[in-house]
Amino acid sequence: SLRFVSALPQALARGGLYDVELHWTGDR
């Protein structure tokens, strides 16, 4: 798992910074 702060892709139409978490849960 990895946590970091980043801006989301423009396609999500959300401005500003976000706390992002990438993780593996079960088979996902």
mmCIF file of all heavy atoms, coordinates in Angstrom:
data_MODEL
# 
_entry.id   MODEL 
# 
loop_
_atom_site.group_PDB 
_atom_site.id 
_atom_site.type_symbol 
_atom_site.label_atom_id 
_atom_site.label_alt_id 
_atom_site.label_comp_id 
_atom_site.label_asym_id 
_atom_site.label_entity_id 
_atom_site.label_seq_id 
_atom_site.pdbx_PDB_ins_code 
_atom_site.Cartn_x 
_atom_site.Cartn_y 
_atom_site.Cartn_z 
_atom_site.occupancy 
_atom_site.B_iso_or_equiv 
_atom_site.pdbx_formal_charge 
_atom_site.auth_seq_id 
_atom_site.auth_comp_id 
_atom_site.auth_asym_id 
_atom_site.auth_atom_id 
_atom_site.pdbx_PDB_model_num 
ATOM 1   N N   . SER A 1 1  ? 0.842   -1.195  0.000   1.00 0.00 ? 1  SER A N   1 
ATOM 2   C CA  . SER A 1 1  ? 0.000   0.000   0.000   1.00 0.00 ? 1  SER A CA  1 
ATOM 3   C C   . SER A 1 1  ? 0.877   1.245   0.000   1.00 0.00 ? 1  SER A C   1 
ATOM 4   O O   . SER A 1 1  ? 2.005   1.218   0.494   1.00 0.00 ? 1  SER A O   1 
ATOM 5   C CB  . SER A 1 1  ? -0.951  0.021   1.191   1.00 0.00 ? 1  SER A CB  1 
ATOM 6   O OG  . SER A 1 1  ? -0.235  0.198   2.397   1.00 0.00 ? 1  SER A OG  1 
ATOM 7   N N   . LEU A 1 2  ? 0.318   2.316   -0.547  1.00 0.00 ? 2  LEU A N   1 
ATOM 8   C CA  . LEU A 1 2  ? 1.054   3.575   -0.636  1.00 0.00 ? 2  LEU A CA  1 
ATOM 9   C C   . LEU A 1 2  ? 0.078   4.723   -0.461  1.00 0.00 ? 2  LEU A C   1 
ATOM 10  O O   . LEU A 1 2  ? -0.997  4.732   -1.061  1.00 0.00 ? 2  LEU A O   1 
ATOM 11  C CB  . LEU A 1 2  ? 1.745   3.679   -2.006  1.00 0.00 ? 2  LEU A CB  1 
ATOM 12  C CG  . LEU A 1 2  ? 2.438   4.994   -2.324  1.00 0.00 ? 2  LEU A CG  1 
ATOM 13  C CD1 . LEU A 1 2  ? 3.585   5.250   -1.350  1.00 0.00 ? 2  LEU A CD1 1 
ATOM 14  C CD2 . LEU A 1 2  ? 2.956   4.968   -3.752  1.00 0.00 ? 2  LEU A CD2 1 
ATOM 15  N N   . ARG A 1 3  ? 0.444   5.673   0.398   1.00 0.00 ? 3  ARG A N   1 
ATOM 16  C CA  . ARG A 1 3  ? -0.344  6.883   0.616   1.00 0.00 ? 3  ARG A CA  1 
ATOM 17  C C   . ARG A 1 3  ? 0.501   8.081   0.211   1.00 0.00 ? 3  ARG A C   1 
ATOM 18  O O   . ARG A 1 3  ? 1.693   8.131   0.525   1.00 0.00 ? 3  ARG A O   1 
ATOM 19  C CB  . ARG A 1 3  ? -0.756  6.987   2.090   1.00 0.00 ? 3  ARG A CB  1 
ATOM 20  C CG  . ARG A 1 3  ? -1.812  5.969   2.463   1.00 0.00 ? 3  ARG A CG  1 
ATOM 21  C CD  . ARG A 1 3  ? -1.889  5.715   3.957   1.00 0.00 ? 3  ARG A CD  1 
ATOM 22  N NE  . ARG A 1 3  ? -0.642  5.289   4.600   1.00 0.00 ? 3  ARG A NE  1 
ATOM 23  C CZ  . ARG A 1 3  ? -0.070  4.086   4.465   1.00 0.00 ? 3  ARG A CZ  1 
ATOM 24  N NH1 . ARG A 1 3  ? -0.626  3.176   3.689   1.00 0.00 ? 3  ARG A NH1 1 
ATOM 25  N NH2 . ARG A 1 3  ? 1.048   3.771   5.088   1.00 0.00 ? 3  ARG A NH2 1 
ATOM 26  N N   . PHE A 1 4  ? -0.126  9.046   -0.451  1.00 0.00 ? 4  PHE A N   1 
ATOM 27  C CA  . PHE A 1 4  ? 0.581   10.247  -0.881  1.00 0.00 ? 4  PHE A CA  1 
ATOM 28  C C   . PHE A 1 4  ? -0.427  11.348  -1.164  1.00 0.00 ? 4  PHE A C   1 
ATOM 29  O O   . PHE A 1 4  ? -1.641  11.123  -1.157  1.00 0.00 ? 4  PHE A O   1 
ATOM 30  C CB  . PHE A 1 4  ? 1.453   9.969   -2.108  1.00 0.00 ? 4  PHE A CB  1 
ATOM 31  C CG  . PHE A 1 4  ? 0.714   9.425   -3.298  1.00 0.00 ? 4  PHE A CG  1 
ATOM 32  C CD1 . PHE A 1 4  ? 0.327   10.255  -4.339  1.00 0.00 ? 4  PHE A CD1 1 
ATOM 33  C CD2 . PHE A 1 4  ? 0.410   8.072   -3.392  1.00 0.00 ? 4  PHE A CD2 1 
ATOM 34  C CE1 . PHE A 1 4  ? -0.355  9.759   -5.437  1.00 0.00 ? 4  PHE A CE1 1 
ATOM 35  C CE2 . PHE A 1 4  ? -0.263  7.568   -4.493  1.00 0.00 ? 4  PHE A CE2 1 
ATOM 36  C CZ  . PHE A 1 4  ? -0.647  8.410   -5.518  1.00 0.00 ? 4  PHE A CZ  1 
ATOM 37  N N   . VAL A 1 5  ? 0.061   12.548  -1.407  1.00 0.00 ? 5  VAL A N   1 
ATOM 38  C CA  . VAL A 1 5  ? -0.776  13.700  -1.718  1.00 0.00 ? 5  VAL A CA  1 
ATOM 39  C C   . VAL A 1 5  ? -0.553  14.047  -3.184  1.00 0.00 ? 5  VAL A C   1 
ATOM 40  O O   . VAL A 1 5  ? 0.588   14.137  -3.641  1.00 0.00 ? 5  VAL A O   1 
ATOM 41  C CB  . VAL A 1 5  ? -0.418  14.907  -0.814  1.00 0.00 ? 5  VAL A CB  1 
ATOM 42  C CG1 . VAL A 1 5  ? -1.244  16.126  -1.185  1.00 0.00 ? 5  VAL A CG1 1 
ATOM 43  C CG2 . VAL A 1 5  ? -0.614  14.545  0.644   1.00 0.00 ? 5  VAL A CG2 1 
ATOM 44  N N   . SER A 1 6  ? -1.660  14.233  -3.922  1.00 0.00 ? 6  SER A N   1 
ATOM 45  C CA  . SER A 1 6  ? -1.549  14.530  -5.350  1.00 0.00 ? 6  SER A CA  1 
ATOM 46  C C   . SER A 1 6  ? -2.833  15.185  -5.841  1.00 0.00 ? 6  SER A C   1 
ATOM 47  O O   . SER A 1 6  ? -3.860  15.148  -5.160  1.00 0.00 ? 6  SER A O   1 
ATOM 48  C CB  . SER A 1 6  ? -1.305  13.231  -6.135  1.00 0.00 ? 6  SER A CB  1 
ATOM 49  O OG  . SER A 1 6  ? -1.089  13.499  -7.502  1.00 0.00 ? 6  SER A OG  1 
ATOM 50  N N   . ALA A 1 7  ? -2.759  15.780  -7.015  1.00 0.00 ? 7  ALA A N   1 
ATOM 51  C CA  . ALA A 1 7  ? -3.957  16.288  -7.693  1.00 0.00 ? 7  ALA A CA  1 
ATOM 52  C C   . ALA A 1 7  ? -4.562  15.130  -8.480  1.00 0.00 ? 7  ALA A C   1 
ATOM 53  O O   . ALA A 1 7  ? -3.841  14.300  -9.027  1.00 0.00 ? 7  ALA A O   1 
ATOM 54  C CB  . ALA A 1 7  ? -3.591  17.426  -8.627  1.00 0.00 ? 7  ALA A CB  1 
ATOM 55  N N   . LEU A 1 8  ? -5.891  15.045  -8.527  1.00 0.00 ? 8  LEU A N   1 
ATOM 56  C CA  . LEU A 1 8  ? -6.559  13.979  -9.266  1.00 0.00 ? 8  LEU A CA  1 
ATOM 57  C C   . LEU A 1 8  ? -6.601  14.309  -10.756 1.00 0.00 ? 8  LEU A C   1 
ATOM 58  O O   . LEU A 1 8  ? -6.471  15.476  -11.147 1.00 0.00 ? 8  LEU A O   1 
ATOM 59  C CB  . LEU A 1 8  ? -7.976  13.784  -8.726  1.00 0.00 ? 8  LEU A CB  1 
ATOM 60  C CG  . LEU A 1 8  ? -8.077  13.251  -7.301  1.00 0.00 ? 8  LEU A CG  1 
ATOM 61  C CD1 . LEU A 1 8  ? -9.529  13.111  -6.881  1.00 0.00 ? 8  LEU A CD1 1 
ATOM 62  C CD2 . LEU A 1 8  ? -7.358  11.931  -7.149  1.00 0.00 ? 8  LEU A CD2 1 
ATOM 63  N N   . PRO A 1 9  ? -6.806  13.307  -11.620 1.00 0.00 ? 9  PRO A N   1 
ATOM 64  C CA  . PRO A 1 9  ? -6.890  13.563  -13.061 1.00 0.00 ? 9  PRO A CA  1 
ATOM 65  C C   . PRO A 1 9  ? -8.019  14.544  -13.392 1.00 0.00 ? 9  PRO A C   1 
ATOM 66  O O   . PRO A 1 9  ? -9.052  14.577  -12.712 1.00 0.00 ? 9  PRO A O   1 
ATOM 67  C CB  . PRO A 1 9  ? -7.189  12.182  -13.654 1.00 0.00 ? 9  PRO A CB  1 
ATOM 68  C CG  . PRO A 1 9  ? -6.755  11.212  -12.627 1.00 0.00 ? 9  PRO A CG  1 
ATOM 69  C CD  . PRO A 1 9  ? -6.921  11.890  -11.305 1.00 0.00 ? 9  PRO A CD  1 
ATOM 70  N N   . GLN A 1 10 ? -7.839  15.339  -14.426 1.00 0.00 ? 10 GLN A N   1 
ATOM 71  C CA  . GLN A 1 10 ? -8.834  16.335  -14.827 1.00 0.00 ? 10 GLN A CA  1 
ATOM 72  C C   . GLN A 1 10 ? -10.168 15.697  -15.183 1.00 0.00 ? 10 GLN A C   1 
ATOM 73  O O   . GLN A 1 10 ? -11.211 16.322  -15.046 1.00 0.00 ? 10 GLN A O   1 
ATOM 74  C CB  . GLN A 1 10 ? -8.317  17.147  -16.000 1.00 0.00 ? 10 GLN A CB  1 
ATOM 75  C CG  . GLN A 1 10 ? -7.197  18.084  -15.616 1.00 0.00 ? 10 GLN A CG  1 
ATOM 76  C CD  . GLN A 1 10 ? -6.713  18.907  -16.795 1.00 0.00 ? 10 GLN A CD  1 
ATOM 77  O OE1 . GLN A 1 10 ? -7.116  18.687  -17.931 1.00 0.00 ? 10 GLN A OE1 1 
ATOM 78  N NE2 . GLN A 1 10 ? -5.834  19.856  -16.522 1.00 0.00 ? 10 GLN A NE2 1 
ATOM 79  N N   . ALA A 1 11 ? -10.150 14.457  -15.630 1.00 0.00 ? 11 ALA A N   1 
ATOM 80  C CA  . ALA A 1 11 ? -11.393 13.783  -16.027 1.00 0.00 ? 11 ALA A CA  1 
ATOM 81  C C   . ALA A 1 11 ? -12.354 13.641  -14.849 1.00 0.00 ? 11 ALA A C   1 
ATOM 82  O O   . ALA A 1 11 ? -13.563 13.542  -15.046 1.00 0.00 ? 11 ALA A O   1 
ATOM 83  C CB  . ALA A 1 11 ? -11.079 12.407  -16.616 1.00 0.00 ? 11 ALA A CB  1 
ATOM 84  N N   . LEU A 1 12 ? -11.847 13.634  -13.627 1.00 0.00 ? 12 LEU A N   1 
ATOM 85  C CA  . LEU A 1 12 ? -12.711 13.521  -12.450 1.00 0.00 ? 12 LEU A CA  1 
ATOM 86  C C   . LEU A 1 12 ? -13.300 14.865  -12.054 1.00 0.00 ? 12 LEU A C   1 
ATOM 87  O O   . LEU A 1 12 ? -14.155 14.933  -11.177 1.00 0.00 ? 12 LEU A O   1 
ATOM 88  C CB  . LEU A 1 12 ? -11.938 12.923  -11.274 1.00 0.00 ? 12 LEU A CB  1 
ATOM 89  C CG  . LEU A 1 12 ? -11.532 11.463  -11.427 1.00 0.00 ? 12 LEU A CG  1 
ATOM 90  C CD1 . LEU A 1 12 ? -10.686 11.018  -10.251 1.00 0.00 ? 12 LEU A CD1 1 
ATOM 91  C CD2 . LEU A 1 12 ? -12.748 10.571  -11.584 1.00 0.00 ? 12 LEU A CD2 1 
ATOM 92  N N   . ALA A 1 13 ? -12.852 15.950  -12.690 1.00 0.00 ? 13 ALA A N   1 
ATOM 93  C CA  . ALA A 1 13 ? -13.367 17.308  -12.459 1.00 0.00 ? 13 ALA A CA  1 
ATOM 94  C C   . ALA A 1 13 ? -13.350 17.674  -10.977 1.00 0.00 ? 13 ALA A C   1 
ATOM 95  O O   . ALA A 1 13 ? -14.333 18.147  -10.432 1.00 0.00 ? 13 ALA A O   1 
ATOM 96  C CB  . ALA A 1 13 ? -14.767 17.460  -13.048 1.00 0.00 ? 13 ALA A CB  1 
ATOM 97  N N   . ARG A 1 14 ? -12.239 17.402  -10.325 1.00 0.00 ? 14 ARG A N   1 
ATOM 98  C CA  . ARG A 1 14 ? -12.081 17.740  -8.913  1.00 0.00 ? 14 ARG A CA  1 
ATOM 99  C C   . ARG A 1 14 ? -10.781 18.521  -8.770  1.00 0.00 ? 14 ARG A C   1 
ATOM 100 O O   . ARG A 1 14 ? -9.713  18.015  -9.047  1.00 0.00 ? 14 ARG A O   1 
ATOM 101 C CB  . ARG A 1 14 ? -12.020 16.489  -8.047  1.00 0.00 ? 14 ARG A CB  1 
ATOM 102 C CG  . ARG A 1 14 ? -13.289 15.680  -8.117  1.00 0.00 ? 14 ARG A CG  1 
ATOM 103 C CD  . ARG A 1 14 ? -13.084 14.353  -7.422  1.00 0.00 ? 14 ARG A CD  1 
ATOM 104 N NE  . ARG A 1 14 ? -14.221 13.503  -7.706  1.00 0.00 ? 14 ARG A NE  1 
ATOM 105 C CZ  . ARG A 1 14 ? -15.042 13.048  -6.777  1.00 0.00 ? 14 ARG A CZ  1 
ATOM 106 N NH1 . ARG A 1 14 ? -14.857 13.359  -5.527  1.00 0.00 ? 14 ARG A NH1 1 
ATOM 107 N NH2 . ARG A 1 14 ? -16.044 12.270  -7.101  1.00 0.00 ? 14 ARG A NH2 1 
ATOM 108 N N   . GLY A 1 15 ? -10.891 19.752  -8.316  1.00 0.00 ? 15 GLY A N   1 
ATOM 109 C CA  . GLY A 1 15 ? -9.709  20.576  -8.146  1.00 0.00 ? 15 GLY A CA  1 
ATOM 110 C C   . GLY A 1 15 ? -9.080  20.379  -6.784  1.00 0.00 ? 15 GLY A C   1 
ATOM 111 O O   . GLY A 1 15 ? -9.661  19.782  -5.887  1.00 0.00 ? 15 GLY A O   1 
ATOM 112 N N   . GLY A 1 16 ? -7.889  20.897  -6.631  1.00 0.00 ? 16 GLY A N   1 
ATOM 113 C CA  . GLY A 1 16 ? -7.201  20.853  -5.347  1.00 0.00 ? 16 GLY A CA  1 
ATOM 114 C C   . GLY A 1 16 ? -6.396  19.585  -5.141  1.00 0.00 ? 16 GLY A C   1 
ATOM 115 O O   . GLY A 1 16 ? -6.287  18.736  -6.022  1.00 0.00 ? 16 GLY A O   1 
ATOM 116 N N   . LEU A 1 17 ? -5.846  19.493  -3.949  1.00 0.00 ? 17 LEU A N   1 
ATOM 117 C CA  . LEU A 1 17 ? -5.024  18.337  -3.593  1.00 0.00 ? 17 LEU A CA  1 
ATOM 118 C C   . LEU A 1 17 ? -5.855  17.299  -2.844  1.00 0.00 ? 17 LEU A C   1 
ATOM 119 O O   . LEU A 1 17 ? -6.789  17.639  -2.123  1.00 0.00 ? 17 LEU A O   1 
ATOM 120 C CB  . LEU A 1 17 ? -3.851  18.777  -2.715  1.00 0.00 ? 17 LEU A CB  1 
ATOM 121 C CG  . LEU A 1 17 ? -2.804  19.651  -3.406  1.00 0.00 ? 17 LEU A CG  1 
ATOM 122 C CD1 . LEU A 1 17 ? -1.747  20.080  -2.399  1.00 0.00 ? 17 LEU A CD1 1 
ATOM 123 C CD2 . LEU A 1 17 ? -2.170  18.920  -4.575  1.00 0.00 ? 17 LEU A CD2 1 
ATOM 124 N N   . TYR A 1 18 ? -5.458  16.046  -3.013  1.00 0.00 ? 18 TYR A N   1 
ATOM 125 C CA  . TYR A 1 18 ? -6.158  14.927  -2.374  1.00 0.00 ? 18 TYR A CA  1 
ATOM 126 C C   . TYR A 1 18 ? -5.156  13.984  -1.725  1.00 0.00 ? 18 TYR A C   1 
ATOM 127 O O   . TYR A 1 18 ? -4.046  13.806  -2.228  1.00 0.00 ? 18 TYR A O   1 
ATOM 128 C CB  . TYR A 1 18 ? -6.988  14.153  -3.406  1.00 0.00 ? 18 TYR A CB  1 
ATOM 129 C CG  . TYR A 1 18 ? -8.243  14.875  -3.802  1.00 0.00 ? 18 TYR A CG  1 
ATOM 130 C CD1 . TYR A 1 18 ? -8.210  15.899  -4.736  1.00 0.00 ? 18 TYR A CD1 1 
ATOM 131 C CD2 . TYR A 1 18 ? -9.460  14.559  -3.225  1.00 0.00 ? 18 TYR A CD2 1 
ATOM 132 C CE1 . TYR A 1 18 ? -9.355  16.580  -5.081  1.00 0.00 ? 18 TYR A CE1 1 
ATOM 133 C CE2 . TYR A 1 18 ? -10.614 15.231  -3.565  1.00 0.00 ? 18 TYR A CE2 1 
ATOM 134 C CZ  . TYR A 1 18 ? -10.550 16.246  -4.493  1.00 0.00 ? 18 TYR A CZ  1 
ATOM 135 O OH  . TYR A 1 18 ? -11.695 16.918  -4.817  1.00 0.00 ? 18 TYR A OH  1 
ATOM 136 N N   . ASP A 1 19 ? -5.574  13.390  -0.610  1.00 0.00 ? 19 ASP A N   1 
ATOM 137 C CA  . ASP A 1 19 ? -4.829  12.294  -0.020  1.00 0.00 ? 19 ASP A CA  1 
ATOM 138 C C   . ASP A 1 19 ? -5.229  11.051  -0.805  1.00 0.00 ? 19 ASP A C   1 
ATOM 139 O O   . ASP A 1 19 ? -6.408  10.683  -0.849  1.00 0.00 ? 19 ASP A O   1 
ATOM 140 C CB  . ASP A 1 19 ? -5.201  12.115  1.457   1.00 0.00 ? 19 ASP A CB  1 
ATOM 141 C CG  . ASP A 1 19 ? -4.747  13.287  2.312   1.00 0.00 ? 19 ASP A CG  1 
ATOM 142 O OD1 . ASP A 1 19 ? -3.695  13.867  2.005   1.00 0.00 ? 19 ASP A OD1 1 
ATOM 143 O OD2 . ASP A 1 19 ? -5.453  13.617  3.281   1.00 0.00 ? 19 ASP A OD2 1 
ATOM 144 N N   . VAL A 1 20 ? -4.255  10.433  -1.445  1.00 0.00 ? 20 VAL A N   1 
ATOM 145 C CA  . VAL A 1 20 ? -4.517  9.294   -2.326  1.00 0.00 ? 20 VAL A CA  1 
ATOM 146 C C   . VAL A 1 20 ? -3.919  8.050   -1.689  1.00 0.00 ? 20 VAL A C   1 
ATOM 147 O O   . VAL A 1 20 ? -2.835  8.104   -1.102  1.00 0.00 ? 20 VAL A O   1 
ATOM 148 C CB  . VAL A 1 20 ? -3.891  9.540   -3.722  1.00 0.00 ? 20 VAL A CB  1 
ATOM 149 C CG1 . VAL A 1 20 ? -4.148  8.368   -4.647  1.00 0.00 ? 20 VAL A CG1 1 
ATOM 150 C CG2 . VAL A 1 20 ? -4.422  10.829  -4.332  1.00 0.00 ? 20 VAL A CG2 1 
ATOM 151 N N   . GLU A 1 21 ? -4.639  6.942   -1.799  1.00 0.00 ? 21 GLU A N   1 
ATOM 152 C CA  . GLU A 1 21 ? -4.124  5.674   -1.290  1.00 0.00 ? 21 GLU A CA  1 
ATOM 153 C C   . GLU A 1 21 ? -4.275  4.592   -2.347  1.00 0.00 ? 21 GLU A C   1 
ATOM 154 O O   . GLU A 1 21 ? -5.366  4.370   -2.876  1.00 0.00 ? 21 GLU A O   1 
ATOM 155 C CB  . GLU A 1 21 ? -4.856  5.242   -0.022  1.00 0.00 ? 21 GLU A CB  1 
ATOM 156 C CG  . GLU A 1 21 ? -4.284  3.958   0.549   1.00 0.00 ? 21 GLU A CG  1 
ATOM 157 C CD  . GLU A 1 21 ? -4.913  3.529   1.862   1.00 0.00 ? 21 GLU A CD  1 
ATOM 158 O OE1 . GLU A 1 21 ? -5.848  4.198   2.319   1.00 0.00 ? 21 GLU A OE1 1 
ATOM 159 O OE2 . GLU A 1 21 ? -4.462  2.516   2.412   1.00 0.00 ? 21 GLU A OE2 1 
ATOM 160 N N   . LEU A 1 22 ? -3.164  3.946   -2.659  1.00 0.00 ? 22 LEU A N   1 
ATOM 161 C CA  . LEU A 1 22 ? -3.137  2.801   -3.563  1.00 0.00 ? 22 LEU A CA  1 
ATOM 162 C C   . LEU A 1 22 ? -2.916  1.574   -2.694  1.00 0.00 ? 22 LEU A C   1 
ATOM 163 O O   . LEU A 1 22 ? -1.961  1.531   -1.914  1.00 0.00 ? 22 LEU A O   1 
ATOM 164 C CB  . LEU A 1 22 ? -1.991  2.950   -4.577  1.00 0.00 ? 22 LEU A CB  1 
ATOM 165 C CG  . LEU A 1 22 ? -1.737  1.765   -5.496  1.00 0.00 ? 22 LEU A CG  1 
ATOM 166 C CD1 . LEU A 1 22 ? -2.888  1.598   -6.480  1.00 0.00 ? 22 LEU A CD1 1 
ATOM 167 C CD2 . LEU A 1 22 ? -0.429  1.945   -6.254  1.00 0.00 ? 22 LEU A CD2 1 
ATOM 168 N N   . HIS A 1 23 ? -3.822  0.586   -2.781  1.00 0.00 ? 23 HIS A N   1 
ATOM 169 C CA  . HIS A 1 23 ? -3.657  -0.607  -1.960  1.00 0.00 ? 23 HIS A CA  1 
ATOM 170 C C   . HIS A 1 23 ? -4.274  -1.828  -2.634  1.00 0.00 ? 23 HIS A C   1 
ATOM 171 O O   . HIS A 1 23 ? -5.104  -1.725  -3.530  1.00 0.00 ? 23 HIS A O   1 
ATOM 172 C CB  . HIS A 1 23 ? -4.257  -0.401  -0.561  1.00 0.00 ? 23 HIS A CB  1 
ATOM 173 C CG  . HIS A 1 23 ? -5.727  -0.116  -0.576  1.00 0.00 ? 23 HIS A CG  1 
ATOM 174 N ND1 . HIS A 1 23 ? -6.237  1.120   -0.803  1.00 0.00 ? 23 HIS A ND1 1 
ATOM 175 C CD2 . HIS A 1 23 ? -6.798  -0.921  -0.386  1.00 0.00 ? 23 HIS A CD2 1 
ATOM 176 C CE1 . HIS A 1 23 ? -7.552  1.076   -0.766  1.00 0.00 ? 23 HIS A CE1 1 
ATOM 177 N NE2 . HIS A 1 23 ? -7.926  -0.155  -0.505  1.00 0.00 ? 23 HIS A NE2 1 
ATOM 178 N N   . TRP A 1 24 ? -3.834  -2.969  -2.147  1.00 0.00 ? 24 TRP A N   1 
ATOM 179 C CA  . TRP A 1 24 ? -4.307  -4.266  -2.638  1.00 0.00 ? 24 TRP A CA  1 
ATOM 180 C C   . TRP A 1 24 ? -5.164  -4.872  -1.545  1.00 0.00 ? 24 TRP A C   1 
ATOM 181 O O   . TRP A 1 24 ? -4.733  -5.054  -0.416  1.00 0.00 ? 24 TRP A O   1 
ATOM 182 C CB  . TRP A 1 24 ? -3.099  -5.137  -2.956  1.00 0.00 ? 24 TRP A CB  1 
ATOM 183 C CG  . TRP A 1 24 ? -3.397  -6.553  -3.283  1.00 0.00 ? 24 TRP A CG  1 
ATOM 184 C CD1 . TRP A 1 24 ? -4.365  -7.031  -4.107  1.00 0.00 ? 24 TRP A CD1 1 
ATOM 185 C CD2 . TRP A 1 24 ? -2.685  -7.700  -2.807  1.00 0.00 ? 24 TRP A CD2 1 
ATOM 186 N NE1 . TRP A 1 24 ? -4.299  -8.395  -4.170  1.00 0.00 ? 24 TRP A NE1 1 
ATOM 187 C CE2 . TRP A 1 24 ? -3.276  -8.834  -3.380  1.00 0.00 ? 24 TRP A CE2 1 
ATOM 188 C CE3 . TRP A 1 24 ? -1.623  -7.876  -1.958  1.00 0.00 ? 24 TRP A CE3 1 
ATOM 189 C CZ2 . TRP A 1 24 ? -2.829  -10.117 -3.130  1.00 0.00 ? 24 TRP A CZ2 1 
ATOM 190 C CZ3 . TRP A 1 24 ? -1.170  -9.154  -1.714  1.00 0.00 ? 24 TRP A CZ3 1 
ATOM 191 C CH2 . TRP A 1 24 ? -1.775  -10.260 -2.301  1.00 0.00 ? 24 TRP A CH2 1 
ATOM 192 N N   . THR A 1 25 ? -6.421  -5.164  -1.890  1.00 0.00 ? 25 THR A N   1 
ATOM 193 C CA  . THR A 1 25 ? -7.363  -5.761  -0.948  1.00 0.00 ? 25 THR A CA  1 
ATOM 194 C C   . THR A 1 25 ? -7.945  -7.012  -1.582  1.00 0.00 ? 25 THR A C   1 
ATOM 195 O O   . THR A 1 25 ? -8.624  -6.922  -2.601  1.00 0.00 ? 25 THR A O   1 
ATOM 196 C CB  . THR A 1 25 ? -8.507  -4.770  -0.626  1.00 0.00 ? 25 THR A CB  1 
ATOM 197 O OG1 . THR A 1 25 ? -7.946  -3.558  -0.159  1.00 0.00 ? 25 THR A OG1 1 
ATOM 198 C CG2 . THR A 1 25 ? -9.437  -5.334  0.419   1.00 0.00 ? 25 THR A CG2 1 
ATOM 199 N N   . GLY A 1 26 ? -7.700  -8.156  -0.974  1.00 0.00 ? 26 GLY A N   1 
ATOM 200 C CA  . GLY A 1 26 ? -8.220  -9.409  -1.538  1.00 0.00 ? 26 GLY A CA  1 
ATOM 201 C C   . GLY A 1 26 ? -7.640  -9.645  -2.915  1.00 0.00 ? 26 GLY A C   1 
ATOM 202 O O   . GLY A 1 26 ? -6.444  -9.812  -3.066  1.00 0.00 ? 26 GLY A O   1 
ATOM 203 N N   . ASP A 1 27 ? -8.482  -9.598  -3.927  1.00 0.00 ? 27 ASP A N   1 
ATOM 204 C CA  . ASP A 1 27 ? -8.001  -9.772  -5.295  1.00 0.00 ? 27 ASP A CA  1 
ATOM 205 C C   . ASP A 1 27 ? -8.219  -8.500  -6.120  1.00 0.00 ? 27 ASP A C   1 
ATOM 206 O O   . ASP A 1 27 ? -8.335  -8.549  -7.332  1.00 0.00 ? 27 ASP A O   1 
ATOM 207 C CB  . ASP A 1 27 ? -8.680  -10.973 -5.955  1.00 0.00 ? 27 ASP A CB  1 
ATOM 208 C CG  . ASP A 1 27 ? -10.163 -10.750 -6.184  1.00 0.00 ? 27 ASP A CG  1 
ATOM 209 O OD1 . ASP A 1 27 ? -10.738 -9.849  -5.557  1.00 0.00 ? 27 ASP A OD1 1 
ATOM 210 O OD2 . ASP A 1 27 ? -10.745 -11.484 -7.012  1.00 0.00 ? 27 ASP A OD2 1 
ATOM 211 N N   . ARG A 1 28 ? -8.250  -7.349  -5.471  1.00 0.00 ? 28 ARG A N   1 
ATOM 212 C CA  . ARG A 1 28 ? -8.529  -6.073  -6.135  1.00 0.00 ? 28 ARG A CA  1 
ATOM 213 C C   . ARG A 1 28 ? -7.420  -5.057  -5.862  1.00 0.00 ? 28 ARG A C   1 
ATOM 214 O O   . ARG A 1 28 ? -6.935  -4.946  -4.740  1.00 0.00 ? 28 ARG A O   1 
ATOM 215 C CB  . ARG A 1 28 ? -9.844  -5.482  -5.636  1.00 0.00 ? 28 ARG A CB  1 
ATOM 216 C CG  . ARG A 1 28 ? -10.989 -6.467  -5.653  1.00 0.00 ? 28 ARG A CG  1 
ATOM 217 C CD  . ARG A 1 28 ? -11.940 -6.130  -6.736  1.00 0.00 ? 28 ARG A CD  1 
ATOM 218 N NE  . ARG A 1 28 ? -13.144 -6.952  -6.650  1.00 0.00 ? 28 ARG A NE  1 
ATOM 219 C CZ  . ARG A 1 28 ? -13.526 -7.753  -7.618  1.00 0.00 ? 28 ARG A CZ  1 
ATOM 220 N NH1 . ARG A 1 28 ? -12.829 -7.850  -8.701  1.00 0.00 ? 28 ARG A NH1 1 
ATOM 221 N NH2 . ARG A 1 28 ? -14.631 -8.451  -7.504  1.00 0.00 ? 28 ARG A NH2 1 
# 
